C-alpha atoms as a PDB file:
ATOM      1  CA  MET A   1       0.000   0.000   0.000  1.00  0.00           C
ATOM      2  CA  THR A   2       1.246   3.462  -0.743  1.00  0.00           C
ATOM      3  CA  LYS A   3       1.871   5.967   2.011  1.00  0.00           C
ATOM      4  CA  VAL A   4      -1.157   8.106   1.105  1.00  0.00           C
ATOM      5  CA  LYS A   5      -3.500   5.124   0.987  1.00  0.00           C
ATOM      6  CA  ARG A   6      -2.099   3.868   4.281  1.00  0.00           C
ATOM      7  CA  GLY A   7      -2.679   7.310   5.905  1.00  0.00           C
ATOM      8  CA  ILE A   8      -6.267   7.441   4.681  1.00  0.00           C
ATOM      9  CA  TYR A   9      -6.889   3.879   5.841  1.00  0.00           C
ATOM     10  CA  ASP A  10      -5.450   4.663   9.291  1.00  0.00           C
ATOM     11  CA  PHE A  11      -7.576   7.799   9.554  1.00  0.00           C
ATOM     12  CA  LEU A  12     -10.752   5.957   8.603  1.00  0.00           C
ATOM     13  CA  ARG A  13      -9.941   3.177  11.062  1.00  0.00           C
ATOM     14  CA  GLY A  14      -9.482   5.766  13.819  1.00  0.00           C
ATOM     15  CA  SER A  15      -5.962   4.817  14.719  1.00  0.00           C
ATOM     16  CA  PHE A  16      -5.152   8.475  15.402  1.00  0.00           C
ATOM     17  CA  LEU A  17      -7.324   8.127  18.502  1.00  0.00           C
ATOM     18  CA  THR A  18      -5.807   4.868  19.762  1.00  0.00           C
ATOM     19  CA  ASP A  19      -2.052   5.138  19.210  1.00  0.00           C
ATOM     20  CA  GLU A  20       0.504   6.465  21.705  1.00  0.00           C
ATOM     21  CA  SER A  21       0.089  10.150  20.748  1.00  0.00           C
ATOM     22  CA  ALA A  22      -3.705   9.971  21.103  1.00  0.00           C
ATOM     23  CA  PHE A  23      -3.774  12.209  24.200  1.00  0.00           C
ATOM     24  CA  LYS A  24      -2.760  15.259  22.115  1.00  0.00           C
ATOM     25  CA  ASN A  25      -5.386  14.405  19.513  1.00  0.00           C
ATOM     26  CA  TRP A  26      -8.118  14.005  22.120  1.00  0.00           C
ATOM     27  CA  ARG A  27      -7.301  17.385  23.653  1.00  0.00           C
ATOM     28  CA  ILE A  28      -7.613  19.079  20.273  1.00  0.00           C
ATOM     29  CA  ILE A  29     -10.837  17.228  19.449  1.00  0.00           C
ATOM     30  CA  ILE A  30     -12.409  18.163  22.793  1.00  0.00           C
ATOM     31  CA  PHE A  31     -11.309  21.782  22.330  1.00  0.00           C
ATOM     32  CA  VAL A  32     -12.883  21.912  18.856  1.00  0.00           C
ATOM     33  CA  VAL A  33     -16.114  20.323  20.150  1.00  0.00           C
ATOM     34  CA  VAL A  34     -16.330  22.904  22.970  1.00  0.00           C
ATOM     35  CA  LEU A  35     -15.801  25.712  20.449  1.00  0.00           C
ATOM     36  CA  LEU A  36     -18.534  24.272  18.226  1.00  0.00           C
ATOM     37  CA  LEU A  37     -20.952  24.062  21.164  1.00  0.00           C
ATOM     38  CA  ILE A  38     -20.233  27.687  22.079  1.00  0.00           C
ATOM     39  CA  MET A  39     -20.771  28.736  18.461  1.00  0.00           C
ATOM     40  CA  ILE A  40     -24.080  26.868  18.226  1.00  0.00           C
ATOM     41  CA  SER A  41     -25.384  28.316  21.491  1.00  0.00           C
ATOM     42  CA  SER A  42     -24.426  31.863  20.491  1.00  0.00           C
ATOM     43  CA  ALA A  43     -26.169  31.400  17.125  1.00  0.00           C
ATOM     44  CA  HIS A  44     -29.344  30.239  18.896  1.00  0.00           C
ATOM     45  CA  SER A  45     -29.115  33.189  21.272  1.00  0.00           C
ATOM     46  CA  ALA A  46     -28.753  35.615  18.360  1.00  0.00           C
ATOM     47  CA  ASP A  47     -31.757  34.059  16.586  1.00  0.00           C
ATOM     48  CA  LYS A  48     -33.831  34.373  19.753  1.00  0.00           C
ATOM     49  CA  LYS A  49     -32.907  38.052  20.066  1.00  0.00           C
ATOM     50  CA  VAL A  50     -33.787  38.721  16.417  1.00  0.00           C
ATOM     51  CA  ILE A  51     -37.224  37.162  16.937  1.00  0.00           C
ATOM     52  CA  GLU A  52     -37.755  39.212  20.102  1.00  0.00           C
ATOM     53  CA  ILE A  53     -36.740  42.417  18.300  1.00  0.00           C
ATOM     54  CA  SER A  54     -39.188  41.738  15.451  1.00  0.00           C
ATOM     55  CA  GLU A  55     -42.013  41.100  17.949  1.00  0.00           C
ATOM     56  CA  LEU A  56     -41.215  44.343  19.778  1.00  0.00           C
ATOM     57  CA  ASN A  57     -41.161  46.280  16.486  1.00  0.00           C
ATOM     58  CA  LYS A  58     -44.562  44.851  15.581  1.00  0.00           C
ATOM     59  CA  LYS A  59     -45.946  45.857  18.987  1.00  0.00           C
ATOM     60  CA  LYS A  60     -44.413  49.327  18.581  1.00  0.00           C
ATOM     61  CA  ARG A  61     -46.138  49.799  15.212  1.00  0.00           C
ATOM     62  CA  GLU A  62     -49.475  48.714  16.706  1.00  0.00           C
ATOM     63  CA  LEU A  63     -49.119  51.108  19.644  1.00  0.00           C
ATOM     64  CA  ARG A  64     -48.108  53.941  17.310  1.00  0.00           C
ATOM     65  CA  ALA A  65     -51.209  53.342  15.163  1.00  0.00           C
ATOM     66  CA  GLU A  66     -53.385  53.297  18.288  1.00  0.00           C
ATOM     67  CA  TYR A  67     -51.788  56.571  19.449  1.00  0.00           C
ATOM     68  CA  VAL A  68     -52.495  58.255  16.101  1.00  0.00           C
ATOM     69  CA  ASP A  69     -56.105  56.993  16.090  1.00  0.00           C
ATOM     70  CA  THR A  70     -56.678  58.228  19.642  1.00  0.00           C
ATOM     71  CA  GLY A  71     -55.179  61.621  18.769  1.00  0.00           C
ATOM     72  CA  THR A  72     -57.474  61.902  15.745  1.00  0.00           C
ATOM     73  CA  ILE A  73     -60.531  61.067  17.842  1.00  0.00           C
ATOM     74  CA  LEU A  74     -59.500  63.610  20.466  1.00  0.00           C
ATOM     75  CA  MET A  75     -59.023  66.343  17.837  1.00  0.00           C
ATOM     76  CA  ARG A  76     -62.499  65.639  16.457  1.00  0.00           C
ATOM     77  CA  MET A  77     -63.976  65.827  19.959  1.00  0.00           C
ATOM     78  CA  LYS A  78     -62.312  69.214  20.556  1.00  0.00           C
ATOM     79  CA  MET A  79     -63.680  70.811  17.381  1.00  0.00           C
ATOM     80  CA  GLU A  80     -65.968  73.771  18.047  1.00  0.00           C
ATOM     81  CA  SER A  81     -68.781  72.410  15.882  1.00  0.00           C
ATOM     82  CA  ASN A  82     -68.772  69.142  17.780  1.00  0.00           C
ATOM     83  CA  ILE A  83     -68.842  70.942  21.141  1.00  0.00           C
ATOM     84  CA  ARG A  84     -71.730  73.173  19.975  1.00  0.00           C
ATOM     85  CA  GLU A  85     -73.776  70.117  18.968  1.00  0.00           C
ATOM     86  CA  LYS A  86     -73.228  68.468  22.361  1.00  0.00           C
ATOM     87  CA  ALA A  87     -74.073  71.703  24.183  1.00  0.00           C
ATOM     88  CA  LYS A  88     -77.237  72.128  22.078  1.00  0.00           C
ATOM     89  CA  SER A  89     -78.395  68.614  22.971  1.00  0.00           C
ATOM     90  CA  ARG A  90     -78.058  69.558  26.671  1.00  0.00           C
ATOM     91  CA  GLY A  91     -80.068  72.728  26.220  1.00  0.00           C
ATOM     92  CA  LEU A  92     -77.159  75.184  26.165  1.00  0.00           C
ATOM     93  CA  LYS A  93     -76.736  77.837  23.520  1.00  0.00           C
ATOM     94  CA  PRO A  94     -74.024  80.378  22.729  1.00  0.00           C
ATOM     95  CA  SER A  95     -74.281  83.748  24.397  1.00  0.00           C
ATOM     96  CA  GLU A  96     -75.632  86.608  22.313  1.00  0.00           C
ATOM     97  CA  ASN A  97     -73.637  89.217  24.269  1.00  0.00           C
ATOM     98  CA  PRO A  98     -69.885  88.961  24.132  1.00  0.00           C
ATOM     99  CA  PRO A  99     -68.065  88.577  27.462  1.00  0.00           C
ATOM    100  CA  LYS A 100     -66.689  91.668  29.185  1.00  0.00           C
ATOM    101  CA  LYS A 101     -63.158  92.019  30.489  1.00  0.00           C
ATOM    102  CA  ILE A 102     -62.708  92.652  34.183  1.00  0.00           C
ATOM    103  CA  LYS A 103     -59.641  94.676  35.079  1.00  0.00           C
ATOM    104  CA  VAL A 104     -58.250  94.549  38.578  1.00  0.00           C
ATOM    105  CA  THR A 105     -55.997  97.355  39.739  1.00  0.00           C
ATOM    106  CA  TYR A 106     -54.032  97.314  42.939  1.00  0.00           C
ATOM    107  CA  LYS A 107     -53.228 100.469  44.844  1.00  0.00           C
ATOM    108  CA  ASP A 108     -50.187 100.405  47.035  1.00  0.00           C
END
């Protein structure tokens, strides 16, 4: 067998894990596995945060729309014509005489 074929055969058989220098190989393999686990957990954490951000943005848009609708309703309620109609239904009518100013002067 050639050297390359022998190396591939040994790798596939797993002899790099069972020979005398296996301790160094195991340390590297465990280190790589730990790094992979950290990478996977950080990816899941990032995905969870992206989902949470999109939910919060959706809620923000809904609250903004509700705020605009409430502001529109309030502006309509404050209109003079609307107030006159409500006052008329209660039996109130606008004054025919304009109000007079009262001036207060203080003497020292």
